[in-house]
Amino acid sequence: MSAKVLERFPAGSPRGSWPAEEYAAARRAAGEPATVVMDLMTDAFLVVVPAEEDAA
């Protein structure tokens, strides 16, 4: 499964701050199936949605 990255947030947010989760929740409220994943290579949280597969 491939995914489209909507936004990326650094993992070093202040304690009690969850900007990636808040952004994903807002996208879900708007009807997008957004989820948060961790990119270990860049130490960032990514908000992603499933990529639309091109029909052949």
N, C-alpha and C. Protein backbone atom coordinates (compact mmCIF):
# COMPACT_ATOMS: atom_id res chain seq x y z
N MET A 1 0.84 -1.18 0.00
CA MET A 1 0.00 0.00 0.00
C MET A 1 0.88 1.24 0.00
N SER A 2 0.57 2.19 -0.84
CA SER A 2 1.32 3.43 -0.86
C SER A 2 0.49 4.53 -0.19
N ALA A 3 1.18 5.57 0.24
CA ALA A 3 0.51 6.65 0.95
C ALA A 3 1.02 8.00 0.46
N LYS A 4 0.17 9.00 0.59
CA LYS A 4 0.53 10.37 0.25
C LYS A 4 0.75 11.13 1.56
N VAL A 5 1.88 11.81 1.68
CA VAL A 5 2.20 12.59 2.87
C VAL A 5 1.52 13.95 2.75
N LEU A 6 0.68 14.28 3.74
CA LEU A 6 0.02 15.58 3.76
C LEU A 6 0.87 16.63 4.47
N GLU A 7 1.51 16.21 5.55
CA GLU A 7 2.29 17.13 6.38
C GLU A 7 3.30 16.35 7.19
N ARG A 8 4.41 16.99 7.56
CA ARG A 8 5.39 16.35 8.44
C ARG A 8 5.68 17.27 9.62
N PHE A 9 5.89 16.66 10.78
CA PHE A 9 6.13 17.39 12.01
C PHE A 9 7.35 16.81 12.70
N PRO A 10 8.25 17.65 13.21
CA PRO A 10 9.42 17.13 13.92
C PRO A 10 8.99 16.38 15.18
N ALA A 11 9.75 15.34 15.52
CA ALA A 11 9.39 14.51 16.68
C ALA A 11 9.69 15.20 18.00
N GLY A 12 10.45 16.28 18.01
CA GLY A 12 10.84 16.94 19.24
C GLY A 12 9.89 18.00 19.72
N SER A 13 8.59 17.81 19.61
CA SER A 13 7.63 18.80 20.09
C SER A 13 7.67 18.90 21.61
N PRO A 14 7.28 20.05 22.15
CA PRO A 14 7.25 20.19 23.61
C PRO A 14 6.33 19.16 24.25
N ARG A 15 6.62 18.81 25.49
CA ARG A 15 5.80 17.84 26.22
C ARG A 15 4.34 18.30 26.24
N GLY A 16 3.45 17.38 25.96
CA GLY A 16 2.01 17.67 25.95
C GLY A 16 1.52 18.25 24.63
N SER A 17 2.41 18.43 23.67
CA SER A 17 2.03 18.95 22.35
C SER A 17 2.02 17.81 21.35
N TRP A 18 0.93 17.66 20.65
CA TRP A 18 0.77 16.59 19.66
C TRP A 18 0.30 17.18 18.33
N PRO A 19 1.10 18.03 17.68
CA PRO A 19 0.62 18.71 16.47
C PRO A 19 0.26 17.75 15.33
N ALA A 20 0.97 16.66 15.18
CA ALA A 20 0.65 15.71 14.10
C ALA A 20 -0.71 15.06 14.36
N GLU A 21 -0.96 14.66 15.59
CA GLU A 21 -2.25 14.05 15.92
C GLU A 21 -3.40 15.06 15.76
N GLU A 22 -3.16 16.31 16.15
CA GLU A 22 -4.18 17.34 16.01
C GLU A 22 -4.48 17.62 14.54
N TYR A 23 -3.43 17.67 13.73
CA TYR A 23 -3.62 17.90 12.29
C TYR A 23 -4.38 16.72 11.66
N ALA A 24 -4.00 15.51 12.02
CA ALA A 24 -4.68 14.32 11.47
C ALA A 24 -6.15 14.30 11.90
N ALA A 25 -6.43 14.67 13.14
CA ALA A 25 -7.82 14.70 13.62
C ALA A 25 -8.64 15.72 12.83
N ALA A 26 -8.05 16.86 12.53
CA ALA A 26 -8.75 17.87 11.73
C ALA A 26 -9.01 17.36 10.32
N ARG A 27 -8.05 16.65 9.73
CA ARG A 27 -8.24 16.09 8.38
C ARG A 27 -9.34 15.02 8.40
N ARG A 28 -9.35 14.18 9.47
CA ARG A 28 -10.40 13.16 9.58
C ARG A 28 -11.77 13.82 9.73
N ALA A 29 -11.84 14.92 10.48
CA ALA A 29 -13.11 15.65 10.64
C ALA A 29 -13.58 16.22 9.30
N ALA A 30 -12.63 16.49 8.40
CA ALA A 30 -12.95 16.99 7.07
C ALA A 30 -13.24 15.86 6.08
N GLY A 31 -13.17 14.61 6.55
CA GLY A 31 -13.53 13.48 5.70
C GLY A 31 -12.38 12.73 5.07
N GLU A 32 -11.15 13.08 5.38
CA GLU A 32 -10.00 12.36 4.84
C GLU A 32 -9.55 11.29 5.83
N PRO A 33 -9.18 10.11 5.35
CA PRO A 33 -8.75 9.02 6.25
C PRO A 33 -7.28 9.19 6.70
N ALA A 34 -6.97 10.29 7.35
CA ALA A 34 -5.58 10.60 7.73
C ALA A 34 -5.14 9.80 8.95
N THR A 35 -3.89 9.37 8.91
CA THR A 35 -3.27 8.69 10.05
C THR A 35 -1.87 9.26 10.26
N VAL A 36 -1.33 9.01 11.44
CA VAL A 36 0.01 9.49 11.78
C VAL A 36 0.95 8.29 11.81
N VAL A 37 2.08 8.42 11.16
CA VAL A 37 3.13 7.40 11.19
C VAL A 37 4.45 8.07 11.54
N MET A 38 5.38 7.28 12.04
CA MET A 38 6.69 7.79 12.41
C MET A 38 7.69 7.44 11.32
N ASP A 39 8.43 8.43 10.85
CA ASP A 39 9.53 8.21 9.91
C ASP A 39 10.81 8.21 10.72
N LEU A 40 11.33 7.03 11.00
CA LEU A 40 12.52 6.91 11.86
C LEU A 40 13.76 7.50 11.21
N MET A 41 13.84 7.46 9.88
CA MET A 41 15.03 7.97 9.20
C MET A 41 15.18 9.49 9.38
N THR A 42 14.06 10.22 9.42
CA THR A 42 14.11 11.68 9.56
C THR A 42 13.67 12.15 10.93
N ASP A 43 13.31 11.23 11.83
CA ASP A 43 12.84 11.56 13.17
C ASP A 43 11.69 12.56 13.11
N ALA A 44 10.68 12.19 12.32
CA ALA A 44 9.51 13.06 12.14
C ALA A 44 8.24 12.22 12.12
N PHE A 45 7.15 12.87 12.51
CA PHE A 45 5.83 12.26 12.38
C PHE A 45 5.23 12.73 11.07
N LEU A 46 4.68 11.80 10.30
CA LEU A 46 4.06 12.11 9.02
C LEU A 46 2.56 11.89 9.11
N VAL A 47 1.79 12.82 8.60
CA VAL A 47 0.35 12.63 8.47
C VAL A 47 0.13 12.17 7.04
N VAL A 48 -0.43 10.99 6.88
CA VAL A 48 -0.59 10.38 5.56
C VAL A 48 -2.03 9.97 5.30
N VAL A 49 -2.35 9.87 4.01
CA VAL A 49 -3.61 9.30 3.55
C VAL A 49 -3.28 8.26 2.50
N PRO A 50 -4.12 7.28 2.31
CA PRO A 50 -3.85 6.29 1.26
C PRO A 50 -3.74 6.98 -0.10
N ALA A 51 -2.76 6.57 -0.88
CA ALA A 51 -2.57 7.14 -2.23
C ALA A 51 -3.62 6.55 -3.16
N GLU A 52 -4.08 7.39 -4.06
CA GLU A 52 -5.03 6.92 -5.06
C GLU A 52 -4.27 6.15 -6.12
N GLU A 53 -4.66 4.93 -6.34
CA GLU A 53 -4.03 4.10 -7.36
C GLU A 53 -4.62 4.44 -8.72
N ASP A 54 -3.75 4.63 -9.70
CA ASP A 54 -4.22 4.91 -11.06
C ASP A 54 -4.77 3.63 -11.67
N ALA A 55 -5.97 3.72 -12.18
CA ALA A 55 -6.57 2.57 -12.85
C ALA A 55 -5.94 2.43 -14.24
N ALA A 56 -5.54 1.23 -14.58
CA ALA A 56 -4.89 1.02 -15.88
C ALA A 56 -5.88 0.90 -17.00
